[in-house]
Amino acid sequence: MQGDNVEWICGFSNGLGSCDAYVAELWGAFEGLKLVRAHDFIRVKLQIDSWVVAITLSSLKVRTTTGWSLLQHIRQLLDELRGLDLSFIRRS
């Protein structure tokens, strides 16, 4: 995570074992949102480079059972965090 002056604030890594890219992106969002909550950040921009994950997190409907439990935890965090801007960014 970076602050307004592009200074490093915190980060994480996690061994996921065997999973697909969709679930890995969900884990990244989940762990990042947990850091946001733990540090009481106020203005947060969550940028997702997976179009499918960005659409899934923005939608109220779940179209797949893959990662369903993890998705529910992410949505709970999103509900708790006000002032969060979620956007899709293209990989460069």
Protein backbone atom coordinates (compact mmCIF):
# COMPACT_ATOMS: atom_id res chain seq x y z
CA MET A 1 0.00 0.00 0.00
CA GLN A 2 1.15 3.51 -0.72
CA GLY A 3 0.28 6.83 0.87
CA ASP A 4 -0.40 10.20 -0.80
CA ASN A 5 3.31 10.83 -1.22
CA VAL A 6 3.87 7.36 -2.70
CA GLU A 7 5.66 6.11 0.38
CA TRP A 8 5.48 2.43 1.29
CA ILE A 9 3.09 1.89 4.22
CA CYS A 10 2.56 -1.86 4.43
CA GLY A 11 2.15 -5.01 2.39
CA PHE A 12 1.59 -8.74 2.65
CA SER A 13 2.38 -12.05 1.06
CA ASN A 14 0.56 -15.31 1.44
CA GLY A 15 1.13 -18.84 0.21
CA LEU A 16 -2.09 -19.94 -1.46
CA GLY A 17 -1.15 -23.39 -2.61
CA SER A 18 -2.90 -24.55 -5.75
CA CYS A 19 -5.67 -22.22 -6.97
CA ASP A 20 -6.73 -20.39 -10.09
CA ALA A 21 -6.08 -16.71 -10.86
CA TYR A 22 -9.64 -15.71 -9.88
CA VAL A 23 -9.27 -17.10 -6.34
CA ALA A 24 -5.75 -15.63 -6.04
CA GLU A 25 -7.14 -12.18 -6.93
CA LEU A 26 -9.93 -12.61 -4.36
CA TRP A 27 -7.33 -13.48 -1.71
CA GLY A 28 -5.34 -10.37 -2.64
CA ALA A 29 -8.41 -8.18 -2.25
CA PHE A 30 -9.32 -9.86 1.05
CA GLU A 31 -5.87 -9.51 2.59
CA GLY A 32 -5.58 -5.92 1.38
CA LEU A 33 -8.96 -4.99 2.86
CA LYS A 34 -7.99 -6.59 6.17
CA LEU A 35 -4.91 -4.33 6.23
CA VAL A 36 -7.10 -1.31 5.48
CA ARG A 37 -9.32 -2.16 8.43
CA ALA A 38 -6.43 -2.97 10.77
CA HIS A 39 -4.73 0.38 10.05
CA ASP A 40 -7.97 2.41 10.11
CA PHE A 41 -7.27 3.96 6.72
CA ILE A 42 -9.97 6.43 5.71
CA ARG A 43 -9.63 6.99 1.95
CA VAL A 44 -8.71 3.86 0.04
CA LYS A 45 -8.54 3.09 -3.65
CA LEU A 46 -8.73 -0.65 -4.35
CA GLN A 47 -7.49 -1.31 -7.87
CA ILE A 48 -8.18 -4.74 -9.28
CA ASP A 49 -6.46 -5.89 -12.48
CA SER A 50 -8.89 -8.75 -13.03
CA TRP A 51 -12.02 -7.60 -14.84
CA VAL A 52 -13.98 -10.64 -13.62
CA VAL A 53 -13.06 -10.00 -9.96
CA ALA A 54 -13.78 -6.25 -10.25
CA ILE A 55 -17.22 -6.97 -11.73
CA THR A 56 -17.92 -9.65 -9.13
CA LEU A 57 -17.03 -7.33 -6.24
CA SER A 58 -19.08 -4.48 -7.74
CA SER A 59 -22.14 -6.65 -8.33
CA LEU A 60 -24.69 -7.82 -5.80
CA LYS A 61 -25.11 -11.10 -7.67
CA VAL A 62 -22.73 -14.03 -7.44
CA ARG A 63 -22.48 -15.91 -10.72
CA THR A 64 -20.18 -18.69 -9.56
CA THR A 65 -19.63 -20.81 -6.48
CA THR A 66 -15.86 -20.59 -6.88
CA GLY A 67 -14.52 -18.60 -3.94
CA TRP A 68 -18.05 -18.01 -2.62
CA SER A 69 -17.09 -18.07 1.08
CA LEU A 70 -14.12 -15.79 0.50
CA LEU A 71 -16.31 -13.45 -1.54
CA GLN A 72 -18.78 -13.19 1.36
CA HIS A 73 -15.93 -12.17 3.71
CA ILE A 74 -14.76 -9.56 1.20
CA ARG A 75 -18.26 -8.13 0.86
CA GLN A 76 -18.54 -7.88 4.64
CA LEU A 77 -15.30 -5.89 4.73
CA LEU A 78 -16.50 -3.68 1.86
CA ASP A 79 -19.69 -2.94 3.82
CA GLU A 80 -17.63 -1.98 6.88
CA LEU A 81 -15.26 0.30 4.97
CA ARG A 82 -16.75 3.58 3.85
CA GLY A 83 -14.87 5.84 1.46
CA LEU A 84 -13.44 2.94 -0.52
CA ASP A 85 -13.10 3.40 -4.27
CA LEU A 86 -13.05 0.12 -6.23
CA SER A 87 -11.82 0.24 -9.82
CA PHE A 88 -10.57 -2.01 -12.58
CA ILE A 89 -7.14 -1.24 -14.01
CA ARG A 90 -5.57 -2.84 -17.05
CA ARG A 91 -2.34 -4.73 -16.58
CA SER A 92 0.59 -2.92 -18.12
